[in-house]
Amino acid sequence: MSSSATAAGWAKQAWASLGRLSYTSLSLLALPSYAAELAAHALTGQQTPDLAYERLGLCTAERPAGPVLWFHAFSIGESAVALPVIFRCLLEYNEHVHVLLTTSTPEARTLLQNSLPPRVTVQFLPLDNMLCMRQFLAHWKPQACILMESPAWPALVECCAAAGVRLALLNARLSSRVFLSWFCSAPRRALLGSMLSSFNLIVPQSDIVS
């Protein structure tokens, strides 16, 4: 490898480390204000306490015995894409394999909560910071994490990679707005590249929707 290629590789790693450090620091600094906001919503009845617990990585459901496959679908639309894959997994694997489905909107959680088979547990995705994600993973200990559409969950991806959880990205896409937000600076661009390199499988949207 030439010295220029080696230097370029080091520069890319340095930018990715800077992007990761910036994201980690900012997300942890924002945690107290997020926690206060969640508590206020729970106290005023805007959401139930269990939703606030789940956003902080505090799990309200027990982990079932056996392997757990974790799917994350941000909203109802992404859930519609995830459900056929989830049902196929339930058919392919025996009754000892369970599915954890997380979502990021109250509407999707409410819709899915009582409409799926008993082997599927629905929860809110925790806030994307190292503290909440590590707590969440320590409880669920999934064998694999399958994200729908967006890979832009830095703490989730880093924690899964560190814990040896295999990562897949289905129906992968980036909107023009998200694309520009990640490519606007060298650290964010390098961080996105580092996240994508952590995935064991990526299936673009054009390949899964046809």
N, C-alpha and C. Protein backbone atom coordinates (compact mmCIF):
# COMPACT_ATOMS: atom_id res chain seq x y z
N MET A 1 0.85 -1.20 0.00
CA MET A 1 0.00 0.00 0.00
C MET A 1 0.88 1.25 0.00
N SER A 2 0.56 2.23 -0.82
CA SER A 2 1.36 3.43 -0.92
C SER A 2 1.18 4.30 0.32
N SER A 3 2.17 5.19 0.51
CA SER A 3 2.11 6.08 1.68
C SER A 3 0.91 7.02 1.61
N SER A 4 0.53 7.44 0.40
CA SER A 4 -0.62 8.33 0.25
C SER A 4 -1.92 7.63 0.62
N ALA A 5 -2.03 6.34 0.23
CA ALA A 5 -3.22 5.57 0.58
C ALA A 5 -3.28 5.34 2.09
N THR A 6 -2.11 5.07 2.68
CA THR A 6 -2.07 4.87 4.13
C THR A 6 -2.47 6.14 4.87
N ALA A 7 -1.97 7.27 4.40
CA ALA A 7 -2.32 8.55 5.03
C ALA A 7 -3.80 8.85 4.88
N ALA A 8 -4.35 8.53 3.71
CA ALA A 8 -5.78 8.75 3.49
C ALA A 8 -6.62 7.88 4.44
N GLY A 9 -6.15 6.63 4.65
CA GLY A 9 -6.85 5.73 5.57
C GLY A 9 -6.82 6.24 6.99
N TRP A 10 -5.66 6.74 7.41
CA TRP A 10 -5.54 7.31 8.77
C TRP A 10 -6.43 8.54 8.92
N ALA A 11 -6.45 9.38 7.89
CA ALA A 11 -7.27 10.59 7.96
C ALA A 11 -8.75 10.23 8.07
N LYS A 12 -9.17 9.21 7.32
CA LYS A 12 -10.57 8.78 7.37
C LYS A 12 -10.93 8.26 8.76
N GLN A 13 -10.04 7.46 9.35
CA GLN A 13 -10.28 6.94 10.69
C GLN A 13 -10.33 8.07 11.72
N ALA A 14 -9.44 9.07 11.53
CA ALA A 14 -9.41 10.19 12.47
C ALA A 14 -10.70 11.00 12.39
N TRP A 15 -11.18 11.25 11.16
CA TRP A 15 -12.44 11.98 11.00
C TRP A 15 -13.59 11.20 11.61
N ALA A 16 -13.62 9.86 11.39
CA ALA A 16 -14.69 9.03 11.95
C ALA A 16 -14.65 9.05 13.47
N SER A 17 -13.45 9.01 14.05
CA SER A 17 -13.32 9.07 15.51
C SER A 17 -13.81 10.40 16.05
N LEU A 18 -13.49 11.47 15.33
CA LEU A 18 -13.95 12.80 15.74
C LEU A 18 -15.47 12.90 15.66
N GLY A 19 -16.04 12.38 14.57
CA GLY A 19 -17.49 12.39 14.42
C GLY A 19 -18.17 11.58 15.51
N ARG A 20 -17.60 10.42 15.82
CA ARG A 20 -18.17 9.54 16.86
C ARG A 20 -18.08 10.22 18.23
N LEU A 21 -16.94 10.84 18.52
CA LEU A 21 -16.76 11.52 19.80
C LEU A 21 -17.74 12.67 19.94
N SER A 22 -17.92 13.44 18.88
CA SER A 22 -18.85 14.57 18.91
C SER A 22 -20.27 14.10 19.15
N TYR A 23 -20.69 13.06 18.41
CA TYR A 23 -22.05 12.55 18.55
C TYR A 23 -22.28 11.99 19.95
N THR A 24 -21.31 11.19 20.44
CA THR A 24 -21.43 10.59 21.76
C THR A 24 -21.54 11.65 22.84
N SER A 25 -20.69 12.65 22.76
CA SER A 25 -20.68 13.71 23.77
C SER A 25 -21.99 14.49 23.77
N LEU A 26 -22.43 14.90 22.58
CA LEU A 26 -23.65 15.70 22.49
C LEU A 26 -24.89 14.91 22.92
N SER A 27 -24.95 13.64 22.54
CA SER A 27 -26.12 12.83 22.91
C SER A 27 -26.18 12.59 24.41
N LEU A 28 -25.03 12.44 25.07
CA LEU A 28 -25.03 12.26 26.52
C LEU A 28 -25.32 13.56 27.25
N LEU A 29 -24.82 14.68 26.72
CA LEU A 29 -25.12 15.98 27.32
C LEU A 29 -26.61 16.31 27.24
N ALA A 30 -27.26 15.81 26.17
CA ALA A 30 -28.69 16.09 25.99
C ALA A 30 -29.58 15.16 26.82
N LEU A 31 -29.00 14.08 27.37
CA LEU A 31 -29.80 13.08 28.07
C LEU A 31 -30.60 13.67 29.25
N PRO A 32 -30.02 14.50 30.13
CA PRO A 32 -30.82 15.03 31.25
C PRO A 32 -32.06 15.81 30.79
N SER A 33 -31.90 16.61 29.74
CA SER A 33 -33.06 17.38 29.27
C SER A 33 -34.11 16.47 28.65
N TYR A 34 -33.66 15.43 27.92
CA TYR A 34 -34.61 14.47 27.37
C TYR A 34 -35.34 13.74 28.49
N ALA A 35 -34.60 13.34 29.53
CA ALA A 35 -35.20 12.62 30.65
C ALA A 35 -36.24 13.49 31.36
N ALA A 36 -35.91 14.77 31.53
CA ALA A 36 -36.85 15.69 32.17
C ALA A 36 -38.11 15.86 31.33
N GLU A 37 -37.92 15.95 30.01
CA GLU A 37 -39.07 16.09 29.12
C GLU A 37 -39.96 14.84 29.16
N LEU A 38 -39.34 13.66 29.18
CA LEU A 38 -40.11 12.42 29.25
C LEU A 38 -40.87 12.33 30.57
N ALA A 39 -40.23 12.74 31.66
CA ALA A 39 -40.89 12.71 32.97
C ALA A 39 -42.08 13.67 32.99
N ALA A 40 -41.90 14.84 32.40
CA ALA A 40 -42.99 15.82 32.35
C ALA A 40 -44.17 15.28 31.55
N HIS A 41 -43.88 14.63 30.42
CA HIS A 41 -44.95 14.05 29.61
C HIS A 41 -45.70 12.96 30.37
N ALA A 42 -44.94 12.16 31.14
CA ALA A 42 -45.58 11.09 31.91
C ALA A 42 -46.44 11.67 33.03
N LEU A 43 -45.96 12.72 33.70
CA LEU A 43 -46.69 13.32 34.82
C LEU A 43 -47.95 14.05 34.36
N THR A 44 -47.90 14.61 33.16
CA THR A 44 -49.06 15.35 32.64
C THR A 44 -50.00 14.47 31.83
N GLY A 45 -49.69 13.19 31.73
CA GLY A 45 -50.57 12.27 31.03
C GLY A 45 -50.44 12.30 29.52
N GLN A 46 -49.41 12.97 29.00
CA GLN A 46 -49.22 13.00 27.56
C GLN A 46 -48.74 11.66 27.02
N GLN A 47 -48.12 10.88 27.88
CA GLN A 47 -47.75 9.51 27.53
C GLN A 47 -47.67 8.70 28.82
N THR A 48 -47.79 7.39 28.70
CA THR A 48 -47.76 6.54 29.88
C THR A 48 -46.33 6.38 30.39
N PRO A 49 -46.16 6.11 31.69
CA PRO A 49 -44.80 5.98 32.25
C PRO A 49 -43.96 4.91 31.57
N ASP A 50 -44.59 3.81 31.13
CA ASP A 50 -43.78 2.75 30.53
C ASP A 50 -43.12 3.21 29.23
N LEU A 51 -43.75 4.14 28.51
CA LEU A 51 -43.13 4.66 27.29
C LEU A 51 -41.88 5.47 27.63
N ALA A 52 -41.96 6.24 28.72
CA ALA A 52 -40.80 7.01 29.16
C ALA A 52 -39.67 6.08 29.59
N TYR A 53 -40.01 5.02 30.33
CA TYR A 53 -38.99 4.05 30.75
C TYR A 53 -38.27 3.46 29.54
N GLU A 54 -39.05 3.07 28.55
CA GLU A 54 -38.47 2.42 27.38
C GLU A 54 -37.55 3.37 26.61
N ARG A 55 -37.91 4.64 26.53
CA ARG A 55 -37.06 5.61 25.83
C ARG A 55 -35.72 5.78 26.53
N LEU A 56 -35.68 5.50 27.83
CA LEU A 56 -34.43 5.61 28.59
C LEU A 56 -33.68 4.28 28.66
N GLY A 57 -34.17 3.29 27.92
CA GLY A 57 -33.49 2.00 27.90
C GLY A 57 -33.89 1.08 29.03
N LEU A 58 -34.89 1.48 29.81
CA LEU A 58 -35.38 0.65 30.92
C LEU A 58 -36.48 -0.25 30.39
N CYS A 59 -36.23 -1.53 30.34
CA CYS A 59 -37.14 -2.46 29.67
C CYS A 59 -38.30 -2.84 30.56
N THR A 60 -39.51 -2.78 30.01
CA THR A 60 -40.72 -3.09 30.76
C THR A 60 -41.17 -4.53 30.55
N ALA A 61 -40.53 -5.25 29.66
CA ALA A 61 -40.89 -6.65 29.40
C ALA A 61 -39.71 -7.55 29.71
N GLU A 62 -40.00 -8.75 30.17
CA GLU A 62 -38.93 -9.71 30.45
C GLU A 62 -38.38 -10.29 29.16
N ARG A 63 -37.10 -10.59 29.17
CA ARG A 63 -36.50 -11.25 28.01
C ARG A 63 -36.90 -12.71 28.00
N PRO A 64 -37.45 -13.21 26.90
CA PRO A 64 -37.80 -14.63 26.83
C PRO A 64 -36.53 -15.48 26.72
N ALA A 65 -36.64 -16.73 27.11
CA ALA A 65 -35.52 -17.65 26.97
C ALA A 65 -35.31 -17.97 25.50
N GLY A 66 -34.05 -18.19 25.11
CA GLY A 66 -33.76 -18.54 23.73
C GLY A 66 -33.29 -17.35 22.92
N PRO A 67 -33.00 -17.57 21.63
CA PRO A 67 -32.50 -16.50 20.76
C PRO A 67 -33.55 -15.40 20.55
N VAL A 68 -33.06 -14.17 20.41
CA VAL A 68 -33.92 -13.02 20.13
C VAL A 68 -33.41 -12.31 18.89
N LEU A 69 -34.29 -12.10 17.92
CA LEU A 69 -33.99 -11.32 16.73
C LEU A 69 -34.62 -9.94 16.90
N TRP A 70 -33.80 -8.91 16.81
CA TRP A 70 -34.27 -7.55 17.05
C TRP A 70 -34.46 -6.82 15.73
N PHE A 71 -35.68 -6.36 15.49
CA PHE A 71 -36.01 -5.53 14.32
C PHE A 71 -36.31 -4.12 14.81
N HIS A 72 -35.83 -3.13 14.07
CA HIS A 72 -36.23 -1.75 14.36
C HIS A 72 -36.86 -1.13 13.12
N ALA A 73 -38.09 -0.63 13.31
CA ALA A 73 -38.81 0.08 12.25
C ALA A 73 -39.26 1.41 12.84
N PHE A 74 -38.77 2.50 12.28
CA PHE A 74 -38.98 3.82 12.88
C PHE A 74 -40.46 4.16 13.03
N SER A 75 -41.24 3.90 12.01
CA SER A 75 -42.63 4.35 11.99
C SER A 75 -43.55 3.25 11.45
N ILE A 76 -44.82 3.60 11.25
CA ILE A 76 -45.78 2.63 10.72
C ILE A 76 -45.38 2.17 9.33
N GLY A 77 -44.90 3.11 8.50
CA GLY A 77 -44.50 2.75 7.14
C GLY A 77 -43.37 1.74 7.12
N GLU A 78 -42.35 1.94 7.92
CA GLU A 78 -41.25 0.99 7.97
C GLU A 78 -41.69 -0.33 8.60
N SER A 79 -42.63 -0.26 9.54
CA SER A 79 -43.15 -1.49 10.15
C SER A 79 -43.85 -2.36 9.11
N ALA A 80 -44.54 -1.72 8.16
CA ALA A 80 -45.23 -2.47 7.11
C ALA A 80 -44.24 -3.26 6.26
N VAL A 81 -43.03 -2.71 6.08
CA VAL A 81 -41.99 -3.43 5.33
C VAL A 81 -41.38 -4.53 6.19
N ALA A 82 -41.26 -4.28 7.49
CA ALA A 82 -40.62 -5.25 8.38
C ALA A 82 -41.50 -6.47 8.67
N LEU A 83 -42.81 -6.27 8.72
CA LEU A 83 -43.70 -7.36 9.16
C LEU A 83 -43.60 -8.63 8.31
N PRO A 84 -43.57 -8.56 6.96
CA PRO A 84 -43.42 -9.80 6.20
C PRO A 84 -42.14 -10.57 6.54
N VAL A 85 -41.06 -9.83 6.80
CA VAL A 85 -39.80 -10.48 7.17
C VAL A 85 -39.93 -11.12 8.55
N ILE A 86 -40.58 -10.41 9.46
CA ILE A 86 -40.77 -10.94 10.81
C ILE A 86 -41.61 -12.22 10.78
N PHE A 87 -42.72 -12.20 10.03
CA PHE A 87 -43.57 -13.40 9.96
C PHE A 87 -42.84 -14.56 9.31
N ARG A 88 -41.99 -14.27 8.33
CA ARG A 88 -41.20 -15.33 7.71
C ARG A 88 -40.24 -15.94 8.72
N CYS A 89 -39.63 -15.09 9.55
CA CYS A 89 -38.73 -15.60 10.60
C CYS A 89 -39.48 -16.49 11.58
N LEU A 90 -40.69 -16.08 11.96
CA LEU A 90 -41.48 -16.89 12.90
C LEU A 90 -41.84 -18.24 12.30
N LEU A 91 -42.05 -18.28 10.98
CA LEU A 91 -42.37 -19.54 10.31
C LEU A 91 -41.13 -20.42 10.15
N GLU A 92 -40.00 -19.79 9.86
CA GLU A 92 -38.77 -20.54 9.57
C GLU A 92 -38.15 -21.13 10.83
N TYR A 93 -38.23 -20.38 11.94
CA TYR A 93 -37.57 -20.81 13.17
C TYR A 93 -38.58 -21.41 14.14
N ASN A 94 -38.07 -22.23 15.08
CA ASN A 94 -38.98 -22.89 16.01
C ASN A 94 -39.47 -21.93 17.09
N GLU A 95 -40.29 -22.47 17.99
CA GLU A 95 -40.96 -21.62 18.97
C GLU A 95 -40.01 -21.03 20.02
N HIS A 96 -38.76 -21.49 20.02
CA HIS A 96 -37.79 -20.96 20.99
C HIS A 96 -37.17 -19.65 20.53
N VAL A 97 -37.37 -19.28 19.26
CA VAL A 97 -36.84 -18.03 18.72
C VAL A 97 -37.90 -16.95 18.84
N HIS A 98 -37.52 -15.83 19.44
CA HIS A 98 -38.47 -14.72 19.64
C HIS A 98 -38.00 -13.49 18.88
N VAL A 99 -38.94 -12.58 18.65
CA VAL A 99 -38.65 -11.34 17.92
C VAL A 99 -38.93 -10.15 18.83
N LEU A 100 -38.00 -9.22 18.85
CA LEU A 100 -38.20 -7.94 19.50
C LEU A 100 -38.34 -6.89 18.40
N LEU A 101 -39.44 -6.17 18.41
CA LEU A 101 -39.69 -5.13 17.41
C LEU A 101 -39.73 -3.78 18.12
N THR A 102 -38.80 -2.90 17.78
CA THR A 102 -38.81 -1.55 18.36
C THR A 102 -39.27 -0.55 17.30
N THR A 103 -39.85 0.52 17.79
CA THR A 103 -40.29 1.59 16.91
C THR A 103 -40.02 2.92 17.60
N SER A 104 -40.14 4.01 16.89
CA SER A 104 -39.82 5.32 17.45
C SER A 104 -41.00 6.26 17.52
N THR A 105 -42.20 5.80 17.14
CA THR A 105 -43.38 6.67 17.20
C THR A 105 -44.46 6.02 18.06
N PRO A 106 -45.17 6.81 18.87
CA PRO A 106 -46.25 6.26 19.69
C PRO A 106 -47.33 5.59 18.86
N GLU A 107 -47.61 6.15 17.68
CA GLU A 107 -48.66 5.59 16.82
C GLU A 107 -48.33 4.16 16.41
N ALA A 108 -47.08 3.94 16.00
CA ALA A 108 -46.67 2.60 15.57
C ALA A 108 -46.68 1.63 16.74
N ARG A 109 -46.20 2.07 17.89
CA ARG A 109 -46.18 1.18 19.06
C ARG A 109 -47.59 0.78 19.46
N THR A 110 -48.51 1.75 19.51
CA THR A 110 -49.89 1.46 19.89
C THR A 110 -50.54 0.50 18.89
N LEU A 111 -50.30 0.73 17.61
CA LEU A 111 -50.91 -0.11 16.57
C LEU A 111 -50.39 -1.55 16.65
N LEU A 112 -49.09 -1.70 16.90
CA LEU A 112 -48.47 -3.02 16.85
C LEU A 112 -48.56 -3.79 18.17
N GLN A 113 -48.73 -3.07 19.28
CA GLN A 113 -48.60 -3.67 20.61
C GLN A 113 -49.42 -4.94 20.79
N ASN A 114 -50.69 -4.90 20.41
CA ASN A 114 -51.58 -6.03 20.67
C ASN A 114 -52.06 -6.73 19.41
N SER A 115 -51.33 -6.52 18.30
CA SER A 115 -51.79 -7.10 17.04
C SER A 115 -50.81 -8.12 16.45
N LEU A 116 -49.78 -8.49 17.21
CA LEU A 116 -48.78 -9.43 16.70
C LEU A 116 -48.77 -10.70 17.54
N PRO A 117 -48.21 -11.78 17.02
CA PRO A 117 -48.19 -13.04 17.75
C PRO A 117 -47.46 -12.92 19.08
N PRO A 118 -47.72 -13.85 20.02
CA PRO A 118 -47.09 -13.79 21.35
C PRO A 118 -45.56 -13.83 21.32
N ARG A 119 -44.97 -14.38 20.27
CA ARG A 119 -43.51 -14.47 20.19
C ARG A 119 -42.87 -13.15 19.78
N VAL A 120 -43.67 -12.10 19.56
CA VAL A 120 -43.16 -10.79 19.18
C VAL A 120 -43.41 -9.80 20.32
N THR A 121 -42.36 -9.17 20.80
CA THR A 121 -42.46 -8.13 21.83
C THR A 121 -42.23 -6.77 21.18
N VAL A 122 -43.11 -5.83 21.47
CA VAL A 122 -43.00 -4.48 20.89
C VAL A 122 -42.57 -3.50 21.97
N GLN A 123 -41.55 -2.70 21.69
CA GLN A 123 -41.09 -1.67 22.61
C GLN A 123 -40.65 -0.42 21.84
N PHE A 124 -40.51 0.68 22.57
CA PHE A 124 -39.91 1.88 22.02
C PHE A 124 -38.40 1.68 21.88
N LEU A 125 -37.82 2.27 20.84
CA LEU A 125 -36.37 2.30 20.74
C LEU A 125 -35.83 3.30 21.76
N PRO A 126 -34.81 2.92 22.52
CA PRO A 126 -34.23 3.88 23.46
C PRO A 126 -33.62 5.08 22.74
N LEU A 127 -33.41 6.16 23.49
CA LEU A 127 -32.67 7.30 22.96
C LEU A 127 -31.31 6.82 22.47
N ASP A 128 -30.86 7.39 21.35
CA ASP A 128 -29.63 6.89 20.73
C ASP A 128 -28.39 7.51 21.38
N ASN A 129 -28.11 7.02 22.59
CA ASN A 129 -26.85 7.38 23.24
C ASN A 129 -26.27 6.11 23.87
N MET A 130 -24.98 6.17 24.21
CA MET A 130 -24.28 4.96 24.65
C MET A 130 -24.86 4.39 25.94
N LEU A 131 -25.29 5.24 26.86
CA LEU A 131 -25.80 4.78 28.15
C LEU A 131 -27.10 4.00 27.98
N CYS A 132 -28.08 4.59 27.29
CA CYS A 132 -29.38 3.93 27.11
C CYS A 132 -29.25 2.67 26.26
N MET A 133 -28.45 2.73 25.20
CA MET A 133 -28.31 1.58 24.32
C MET A 133 -27.61 0.40 25.01
N ARG A 134 -26.58 0.68 25.78
CA ARG A 134 -25.90 -0.40 26.50
C ARG A 134 -26.82 -1.07 27.50
N GLN A 135 -27.63 -0.26 28.18
CA GLN A 135 -28.59 -0.81 29.14
C GLN A 135 -29.62 -1.68 28.44
N PHE A 136 -30.10 -1.21 27.31
CA PHE A 136 -31.08 -1.94 26.51
C PHE A 136 -30.51 -3.28 26.03
N LEU A 137 -29.30 -3.25 25.48
CA LEU A 137 -28.67 -4.47 24.97
C LEU A 137 -28.32 -5.44 26.08
N ALA A 138 -27.95 -4.93 27.25
CA ALA A 138 -27.63 -5.81 28.37
C ALA A 138 -28.86 -6.61 28.81
N HIS A 139 -30.04 -6.03 28.63
CA HIS A 139 -31.28 -6.72 28.99
C HIS A 139 -31.70 -7.73 27.92
N TRP A 140 -31.72 -7.30 26.65
CA TRP A 140 -32.29 -8.14 25.60
C TRP A 140 -31.29 -9.13 25.00
N LYS A 141 -30.01 -8.79 24.97
CA LYS A 141 -28.99 -9.68 24.43
C LYS A 141 -29.42 -10.33 23.10
N PRO A 142 -29.74 -9.53 22.09
CA PRO A 142 -30.19 -10.10 20.81
C PRO A 142 -29.04 -10.77 20.05
N GLN A 143 -29.40 -11.75 19.23
CA GLN A 143 -28.39 -12.40 18.39
C GLN A 143 -28.13 -11.58 17.12
N ALA A 144 -29.13 -10.84 16.67
CA ALA A 144 -28.99 -10.03 15.46
C ALA A 144 -29.90 -8.81 15.58
N CYS A 145 -29.50 -7.74 14.91
CA CYS A 145 -30.30 -6.52 14.84
C CYS A 145 -30.54 -6.19 13.38
N ILE A 146 -31.80 -6.06 13.00
CA ILE A 146 -32.17 -5.76 11.62
C ILE A 146 -32.84 -4.40 11.59
N LEU A 147 -32.18 -3.44 10.98
CA LEU A 147 -32.73 -2.09 10.86
C LEU A 147 -33.45 -1.94 9.53
N MET A 148 -34.53 -1.17 9.54
CA MET A 148 -35.27 -0.90 8.33
C MET A 148 -34.92 0.50 7.82
N GLU A 149 -34.48 0.58 6.59
CA GLU A 149 -34.25 1.81 5.83
C GLU A 149 -33.02 2.60 6.26
N SER A 150 -32.98 3.14 7.48
CA SER A 150 -31.91 4.08 7.83
C SER A 150 -30.83 3.43 8.69
N PRO A 151 -29.56 3.67 8.35
CA PRO A 151 -28.46 3.18 9.19
C PRO A 151 -28.01 4.21 10.21
N ALA A 152 -28.65 5.39 10.22
CA ALA A 152 -28.13 6.54 10.97
C ALA A 152 -28.49 6.48 12.45
N TRP A 153 -28.00 5.45 13.12
CA TRP A 153 -28.15 5.29 14.56
C TRP A 153 -26.76 5.01 15.15
N PRO A 154 -25.93 6.04 15.29
CA PRO A 154 -24.53 5.82 15.67
C PRO A 154 -24.33 5.02 16.95
N ALA A 155 -25.04 5.37 18.02
CA ALA A 155 -24.85 4.65 19.29
C ALA A 155 -25.34 3.21 19.18
N LEU A 156 -26.48 3.02 18.54
CA LEU A 156 -27.01 1.66 18.34
C LEU A 156 -26.02 0.79 17.59
N VAL A 157 -25.51 1.30 16.47
CA VAL A 157 -24.59 0.51 15.65
C VAL A 157 -23.30 0.22 16.41
N GLU A 158 -22.76 1.22 17.09
CA GLU A 158 -21.51 1.02 17.81
C GLU A 158 -21.67 0.02 18.95
N CYS A 159 -22.77 0.12 19.70
CA CYS A 159 -23.00 -0.79 20.82
C CYS A 159 -23.23 -2.22 20.34
N CYS A 160 -23.97 -2.37 19.24
CA CYS A 160 -24.20 -3.71 18.69
C CYS A 160 -22.88 -4.33 18.21
N ALA A 161 -22.07 -3.54 17.51
CA ALA A 161 -20.80 -4.04 17.01
C ALA A 161 -19.90 -4.46 18.17
N ALA A 162 -19.88 -3.66 19.24
CA ALA A 162 -19.04 -3.97 20.39
C ALA A 162 -19.52 -5.22 21.12
N ALA A 163 -20.83 -5.47 21.10
CA ALA A 163 -21.40 -6.62 21.79
C ALA A 163 -21.43 -7.88 20.92
N GLY A 164 -20.97 -7.77 19.69
CA GLY A 164 -20.96 -8.94 18.81
C GLY A 164 -22.32 -9.25 18.21
N VAL A 165 -23.23 -8.28 18.19
CA VAL A 165 -24.55 -8.47 17.59
C VAL A 165 -24.44 -8.23 16.09
N ARG A 166 -24.84 -9.21 15.29
CA ARG A 166 -24.76 -9.08 13.84
C ARG A 166 -25.80 -8.07 13.36
N LEU A 167 -25.40 -7.23 12.40
CA LEU A 167 -26.23 -6.12 11.93
C LEU A 167 -26.65 -6.31 10.47
N ALA A 168 -27.92 -6.03 10.21
CA ALA A 168 -28.42 -6.05 8.83
C ALA A 168 -29.25 -4.79 8.60
N LEU A 169 -29.21 -4.31 7.37
CA LEU A 169 -29.99 -3.12 6.98
C LEU A 169 -30.85 -3.50 5.78
N LEU A 170 -32.16 -3.50 5.97
CA LEU A 170 -33.08 -3.88 4.91
C LEU A 170 -33.82 -2.65 4.38
N ASN A 171 -34.14 -2.69 3.08
CA ASN A 171 -34.83 -1.59 2.42
C ASN A 171 -34.04 -0.29 2.58
N ALA A 172 -32.72 -0.41 2.49
CA ALA A 172 -31.82 0.70 2.82
C ALA A 172 -31.99 1.88 1.88
N ARG A 173 -32.06 3.06 2.48
CA ARG A 173 -32.13 4.27 1.67
C ARG A 173 -31.78 5.47 2.55
N LEU A 174 -31.37 6.56 1.91
CA LEU A 174 -31.18 7.85 2.59
C LEU A 174 -31.91 8.91 1.78
N SER A 175 -32.80 9.64 2.42
CA SER A 175 -33.48 10.73 1.72
C SER A 175 -32.45 11.81 1.40
N SER A 176 -32.80 12.69 0.48
CA SER A 176 -31.87 13.76 0.09
C SER A 176 -31.54 14.65 1.28
N ARG A 177 -32.52 14.89 2.15
CA ARG A 177 -32.27 15.74 3.32
C ARG A 177 -31.29 15.07 4.28
N VAL A 178 -31.52 13.78 4.55
CA VAL A 178 -30.61 13.05 5.46
C VAL A 178 -29.23 12.91 4.83
N PHE A 179 -29.21 12.63 3.52
CA PHE A 179 -27.93 12.51 2.82
C PHE A 179 -27.10 13.77 2.97
N LEU A 180 -27.71 14.92 2.74
CA LEU A 180 -26.99 16.19 2.85
C LEU A 180 -26.54 16.47 4.27
N SER A 181 -27.37 16.10 5.25
CA SER A 181 -27.01 16.36 6.65
C SER A 181 -25.80 15.53 7.07
N TRP A 182 -25.65 14.33 6.50
CA TRP A 182 -24.51 13.48 6.85
C TRP A 182 -23.27 13.80 6.03
N PHE A 183 -23.45 14.38 4.87
CA PHE A 183 -22.30 14.67 4.01
C PHE A 183 -21.86 16.13 4.10
N CYS A 184 -22.43 16.90 5.03
CA CYS A 184 -22.10 18.32 5.12
C CYS A 184 -20.75 18.58 5.76
N SER A 185 -20.19 17.59 6.47
CA SER A 185 -18.89 17.78 7.10
C SER A 185 -18.10 16.49 7.05
N ALA A 186 -16.79 16.60 7.07
CA ALA A 186 -15.92 15.42 6.99
C ALA A 186 -16.13 14.45 8.16
N PRO A 187 -16.24 14.92 9.41
CA PRO A 187 -16.46 13.97 10.51
C PRO A 187 -17.76 13.18 10.37
N ARG A 188 -18.84 13.85 10.01
CA ARG A 188 -20.12 13.15 9.87
C ARG A 188 -20.08 12.18 8.69
N ARG A 189 -19.43 12.60 7.61
CA ARG A 189 -19.31 11.73 6.43
C ARG A 189 -18.51 10.48 6.78
N ALA A 190 -17.43 10.65 7.51
CA ALA A 190 -16.60 9.52 7.90
C ALA A 190 -17.32 8.62 8.90
N LEU A 191 -18.11 9.22 9.79
CA LEU A 191 -18.88 8.44 10.76
C LEU A 191 -19.92 7.58 10.06
N LEU A 192 -20.59 8.14 9.06
CA LEU A 192 -21.56 7.35 8.29
C LEU A 192 -20.88 6.18 7.61
N GLY A 193 -19.72 6.41 7.02
CA GLY A 193 -18.99 5.32 6.37
C GLY A 193 -18.59 4.25 7.37
N SER A 194 -18.18 4.67 8.57
CA SER A 194 -17.82 3.71 9.61
C SER A 194 -19.02 2.89 10.05
N MET A 195 -20.19 3.53 10.17
CA MET A 195 -21.40 2.80 10.54
C MET A 195 -21.76 1.77 9.48
N LEU A 196 -21.73 2.17 8.22
CA LEU A 196 -22.10 1.25 7.14
C LEU A 196 -21.16 0.05 7.08
N SER A 197 -19.89 0.27 7.42
CA SER A 197 -18.93 -0.84 7.38
C SER A 197 -19.17 -1.85 8.50
N SER A 198 -19.98 -1.48 9.49
CA SER A 198 -20.27 -2.39 10.59
C SER A 198 -21.36 -3.41 10.25
N PHE A 199 -22.09 -3.17 9.16
CA PHE A 199 -23.20 -4.06 8.80
C PHE A 199 -22.70 -5.32 8.11
N ASN A 200 -23.29 -6.44 8.48
CA ASN A 200 -22.98 -7.72 7.83
C ASN A 200 -23.78 -7.90 6.55
N LEU A 201 -24.92 -7.22 6.45
CA LEU A 201 -25.78 -7.34 5.26
C LEU A 201 -26.49 -6.02 5.04
N ILE A 202 -26.48 -5.54 3.79
CA ILE A 202 -27.23 -4.34 3.41
C ILE A 202 -28.01 -4.67 2.14
N VAL A 203 -29.34 -4.50 2.21
CA VAL A 203 -30.20 -4.74 1.04
C VAL A 203 -30.84 -3.42 0.67
N PRO A 204 -30.45 -2.80 -0.46
CA PRO A 204 -31.02 -1.51 -0.86
C PRO A 204 -32.50 -1.61 -1.16
N GLN A 205 -33.16 -0.48 -1.08
CA GLN A 205 -34.61 -0.43 -1.30
C GLN A 205 -35.00 -0.96 -2.68
N SER A 206 -34.23 -0.68 -3.70
CA SER A 206 -34.58 -1.10 -5.05
C SER A 206 -34.60 -2.63 -5.19
N ASP A 207 -33.86 -3.31 -4.29
CA ASP A 207 -33.81 -4.77 -4.35
C ASP A 207 -34.91 -5.46 -3.56
N ILE A 208 -35.42 -4.77 -2.52
CA ILE A 208 -36.41 -5.41 -1.67
C ILE A 208 -37.82 -5.03 -2.07
N VAL A 209 -37.98 -3.87 -2.68
CA VAL A 209 -39.31 -3.43 -3.15
C VAL A 209 -39.35 -3.55 -4.65
N SER A 210 -39.92 -4.63 -5.14
CA SER A 210 -39.97 -4.83 -6.60
C SER A 210 -41.14 -5.74 -6.94
